[in-house]
């Protein structure tokens, strides 16, 4: 299956969900190119940006798992180019 490069933005509004989000991201660690997390203490939220290189189904599955969590929002943007390894 062809891989796609994507960026995923995650906003955590319920800080009790942080461990759960990190656990799911750890499961998909082999597909993560880079990750940046910003705890925005003033607003009591966390922002996470992730760059991915994975099959589209895998990226969608990750986004779906995170999106189902209470107090967590996620959006994903895909590159238009696919890569065959």
N, C-alpha and C. Protein backbone atom coordinates (compact mmCIF):
# COMPACT_ATOMS: atom_id res chain seq x y z
N UNK A 1 0.83 -1.18 0.00
CA UNK A 1 0.00 0.00 0.00
C UNK A 1 0.88 1.24 0.00
N UNK A 2 0.44 2.27 -0.70
CA UNK A 2 1.21 3.52 -0.78
C UNK A 2 1.09 4.32 0.51
N UNK A 3 2.17 5.00 0.83
CA UNK A 3 2.19 5.87 2.00
C UNK A 3 1.85 7.29 1.61
N UNK A 4 1.32 8.01 2.57
CA UNK A 4 1.04 9.44 2.41
C UNK A 4 1.75 10.17 3.54
N UNK A 5 2.13 11.39 3.27
CA UNK A 5 2.67 12.25 4.32
C UNK A 5 1.52 13.13 4.77
N UNK A 6 1.39 13.30 6.08
CA UNK A 6 0.29 14.08 6.63
C UNK A 6 0.75 14.81 7.89
N UNK A 7 0.00 15.83 8.24
CA UNK A 7 0.18 16.50 9.51
C UNK A 7 -1.12 16.39 10.30
N UNK A 8 -0.98 16.13 11.58
CA UNK A 8 -2.14 15.97 12.44
C UNK A 8 -2.02 17.00 13.56
N UNK A 9 -3.12 17.70 13.81
CA UNK A 9 -3.18 18.68 14.90
C UNK A 9 -4.15 18.16 15.95
N UNK A 10 -3.70 18.16 17.19
CA UNK A 10 -4.51 17.65 18.29
C UNK A 10 -4.60 18.74 19.35
N UNK A 11 -5.82 19.00 19.81
CA UNK A 11 -6.04 19.92 20.92
C UNK A 11 -6.66 19.13 22.06
N UNK A 12 -5.99 19.13 23.19
CA UNK A 12 -6.47 18.42 24.37
C UNK A 12 -7.02 19.45 25.35
N UNK A 13 -8.32 19.40 25.55
CA UNK A 13 -8.98 20.33 26.46
C UNK A 13 -9.23 19.71 27.84
N UNK A 14 -9.23 18.40 27.91
CA UNK A 14 -9.38 17.67 29.17
C UNK A 14 -8.04 17.03 29.49
N UNK A 15 -7.33 17.61 30.45
CA UNK A 15 -5.98 17.15 30.74
C UNK A 15 -5.93 15.70 31.24
N UNK A 16 -7.06 15.16 31.64
CA UNK A 16 -7.11 13.75 32.03
C UNK A 16 -6.91 12.83 30.83
N UNK A 17 -7.04 13.36 29.62
CA UNK A 17 -6.90 12.57 28.39
C UNK A 17 -5.46 12.51 27.89
N UNK A 18 -4.56 13.26 28.50
CA UNK A 18 -3.18 13.33 28.00
C UNK A 18 -2.51 11.97 27.94
N UNK A 19 -2.60 11.18 29.00
CA UNK A 19 -1.97 9.86 29.02
C UNK A 19 -2.55 8.94 27.96
N UNK A 20 -3.85 9.02 27.77
CA UNK A 20 -4.52 8.18 26.77
C UNK A 20 -4.05 8.56 25.36
N UNK A 21 -3.96 9.85 25.07
CA UNK A 21 -3.47 10.32 23.77
C UNK A 21 -2.04 9.85 23.56
N UNK A 22 -1.19 10.05 24.55
CA UNK A 22 0.20 9.64 24.43
C UNK A 22 0.33 8.13 24.22
N UNK A 23 -0.53 7.35 24.85
CA UNK A 23 -0.51 5.90 24.66
C UNK A 23 -0.82 5.50 23.24
N UNK A 24 -1.83 6.14 22.65
CA UNK A 24 -2.19 5.83 21.26
C UNK A 24 -1.08 6.29 20.32
N UNK A 25 -0.51 7.46 20.56
CA UNK A 25 0.59 7.93 19.72
C UNK A 25 1.79 6.99 19.80
N UNK A 26 2.04 6.43 20.97
CA UNK A 26 3.14 5.47 21.14
C UNK A 26 2.89 4.23 20.27
N UNK A 27 1.64 3.77 20.19
CA UNK A 27 1.29 2.61 19.36
C UNK A 27 1.65 2.85 17.89
N UNK A 28 1.53 4.09 17.44
CA UNK A 28 1.78 4.44 16.04
C UNK A 28 3.15 5.08 15.84
N UNK A 29 4.02 4.94 16.81
CA UNK A 29 5.33 5.58 16.79
C UNK A 29 6.17 5.33 15.55
N UNK A 30 6.04 4.16 14.96
CA UNK A 30 6.85 3.84 13.78
C UNK A 30 6.51 4.71 12.58
N UNK A 31 5.34 5.34 12.59
CA UNK A 31 4.90 6.18 11.48
C UNK A 31 5.12 7.67 11.73
N UNK A 32 5.51 8.03 12.94
CA UNK A 32 5.66 9.44 13.29
C UNK A 32 7.04 9.94 12.88
N UNK A 33 7.05 10.97 12.03
CA UNK A 33 8.31 11.59 11.60
C UNK A 33 8.80 12.54 12.68
N UNK A 34 7.87 13.33 13.22
CA UNK A 34 8.23 14.30 14.25
C UNK A 34 6.99 14.72 15.01
N UNK A 35 7.23 15.24 16.19
CA UNK A 35 6.12 15.61 17.07
C UNK A 35 6.51 16.83 17.89
N UNK A 36 5.55 17.75 18.05
CA UNK A 36 5.78 18.91 18.89
C UNK A 36 4.57 19.07 19.80
N UNK A 37 4.81 19.12 21.09
CA UNK A 37 3.74 19.32 22.05
C UNK A 37 3.94 20.62 22.80
N UNK A 38 2.85 21.36 22.94
CA UNK A 38 2.91 22.65 23.64
C UNK A 38 1.85 22.67 24.73
N UNK A 39 2.26 22.63 25.99
CA UNK A 39 1.28 22.79 27.05
C UNK A 39 0.98 24.29 27.22
N UNK A 40 -0.26 24.67 26.97
CA UNK A 40 -0.65 26.08 27.07
C UNK A 40 -1.33 26.26 28.42
N UNK A 41 -0.52 26.44 29.42
CA UNK A 41 -0.99 26.46 30.81
C UNK A 41 -2.00 27.57 31.08
N UNK A 42 -1.81 28.71 30.44
CA UNK A 42 -2.73 29.84 30.65
C UNK A 42 -4.17 29.46 30.32
N UNK A 43 -4.36 28.65 29.27
CA UNK A 43 -5.69 28.25 28.84
C UNK A 43 -6.07 26.84 29.29
N UNK A 44 -5.12 26.18 29.99
CA UNK A 44 -5.33 24.82 30.50
C UNK A 44 -5.67 23.83 29.39
N UNK A 45 -4.92 23.93 28.28
CA UNK A 45 -5.05 22.99 27.18
C UNK A 45 -3.65 22.59 26.72
N UNK A 46 -3.57 21.54 25.92
CA UNK A 46 -2.31 21.14 25.29
C UNK A 46 -2.52 21.05 23.79
N UNK A 47 -1.51 21.47 23.05
CA UNK A 47 -1.54 21.43 21.59
C UNK A 47 -0.44 20.48 21.13
N UNK A 48 -0.78 19.58 20.22
CA UNK A 48 0.20 18.63 19.69
C UNK A 48 0.12 18.66 18.17
N UNK A 49 1.29 18.78 17.53
CA UNK A 49 1.39 18.68 16.07
C UNK A 49 2.25 17.48 15.75
N UNK A 50 1.78 16.67 14.79
CA UNK A 50 2.49 15.45 14.44
C UNK A 50 2.65 15.37 12.92
N UNK A 51 3.84 15.03 12.46
CA UNK A 51 4.10 14.75 11.05
C UNK A 51 4.17 13.24 10.90
N UNK A 52 3.45 12.70 9.91
CA UNK A 52 3.35 11.25 9.72
C UNK A 52 3.71 10.84 8.29
N UNK A 53 4.23 9.64 8.16
CA UNK A 53 4.47 9.00 6.87
C UNK A 53 3.94 7.58 7.02
N UNK A 54 2.75 7.32 6.46
CA UNK A 54 2.08 6.03 6.69
C UNK A 54 1.01 5.82 5.63
N UNK A 55 0.50 4.59 5.52
CA UNK A 55 -0.65 4.37 4.64
C UNK A 55 -1.84 5.22 5.12
N UNK A 56 -2.64 5.69 4.18
CA UNK A 56 -3.76 6.56 4.53
C UNK A 56 -4.69 5.91 5.53
N UNK A 57 -4.93 4.61 5.39
CA UNK A 57 -5.80 3.90 6.34
C UNK A 57 -5.25 3.95 7.76
N UNK A 58 -3.94 3.85 7.89
CA UNK A 58 -3.31 3.89 9.21
C UNK A 58 -3.46 5.27 9.83
N UNK A 59 -3.23 6.31 9.03
CA UNK A 59 -3.37 7.68 9.53
C UNK A 59 -4.82 7.94 9.94
N UNK A 60 -5.75 7.48 9.13
CA UNK A 60 -7.17 7.66 9.44
C UNK A 60 -7.56 6.91 10.71
N UNK A 61 -7.01 5.71 10.89
CA UNK A 61 -7.29 4.94 12.10
C UNK A 61 -6.77 5.66 13.34
N UNK A 62 -5.57 6.21 13.25
CA UNK A 62 -5.00 6.96 14.37
C UNK A 62 -5.87 8.18 14.68
N UNK A 63 -6.24 8.91 13.66
CA UNK A 63 -7.09 10.09 13.85
C UNK A 63 -8.43 9.71 14.46
N UNK A 64 -9.00 8.60 14.02
CA UNK A 64 -10.27 8.14 14.55
C UNK A 64 -10.20 7.77 16.02
N UNK A 65 -9.12 7.07 16.40
CA UNK A 65 -8.95 6.68 17.81
C UNK A 65 -8.83 7.91 18.71
N UNK A 66 -8.07 8.87 18.25
CA UNK A 66 -7.87 10.08 19.06
C UNK A 66 -9.16 10.91 19.07
N UNK A 67 -9.82 11.00 17.93
CA UNK A 67 -11.03 11.80 17.83
C UNK A 67 -12.18 11.31 18.68
N UNK A 68 -12.17 10.04 19.04
CA UNK A 68 -13.23 9.47 19.88
C UNK A 68 -13.05 9.78 21.36
N UNK A 69 -11.90 10.29 21.73
CA UNK A 69 -11.62 10.57 23.14
C UNK A 69 -12.34 11.83 23.58
N UNK A 70 -12.90 11.77 24.77
CA UNK A 70 -13.60 12.94 25.33
C UNK A 70 -12.59 14.05 25.63
N UNK A 71 -12.94 15.27 25.26
CA UNK A 71 -12.10 16.42 25.55
C UNK A 71 -10.91 16.57 24.61
N UNK A 72 -10.95 15.87 23.46
CA UNK A 72 -9.84 15.91 22.50
C UNK A 72 -10.40 16.19 21.11
N UNK A 73 -9.76 17.13 20.39
CA UNK A 73 -10.12 17.42 19.00
C UNK A 73 -8.92 17.10 18.11
N UNK A 74 -9.20 16.61 16.91
CA UNK A 74 -8.11 16.27 15.99
C UNK A 74 -8.51 16.62 14.56
N UNK A 75 -7.55 17.13 13.80
CA UNK A 75 -7.72 17.40 12.37
C UNK A 75 -6.47 16.92 11.66
N UNK A 76 -6.65 16.37 10.46
CA UNK A 76 -5.53 15.83 9.69
C UNK A 76 -5.55 16.41 8.29
N UNK A 77 -4.37 16.78 7.81
CA UNK A 77 -4.21 17.24 6.42
C UNK A 77 -3.23 16.30 5.73
N UNK A 78 -3.62 15.83 4.55
CA UNK A 78 -2.79 14.89 3.78
C UNK A 78 -2.10 15.61 2.63
N UNK A 79 -0.89 15.15 2.32
CA UNK A 79 -0.24 15.61 1.09
C UNK A 79 -0.96 14.96 -0.09
N UNK A 80 -0.85 15.57 -1.24
CA UNK A 80 -1.52 15.00 -2.42
C UNK A 80 -0.66 13.95 -3.11
N UNK A 81 0.57 13.78 -2.64
CA UNK A 81 1.52 12.85 -3.25
C UNK A 81 1.54 11.56 -2.44
N UNK A 82 1.53 10.42 -3.12
CA UNK A 82 1.69 9.14 -2.43
C UNK A 82 3.05 8.55 -2.78
N UNK A 83 3.57 7.73 -1.87
CA UNK A 83 4.89 7.16 -2.03
C UNK A 83 4.82 5.65 -1.91
N UNK A 84 5.50 4.96 -2.78
CA UNK A 84 5.56 3.50 -2.72
C UNK A 84 6.95 3.12 -2.26
N UNK A 85 7.02 2.45 -1.10
CA UNK A 85 8.33 2.03 -0.55
C UNK A 85 8.76 0.70 -1.11
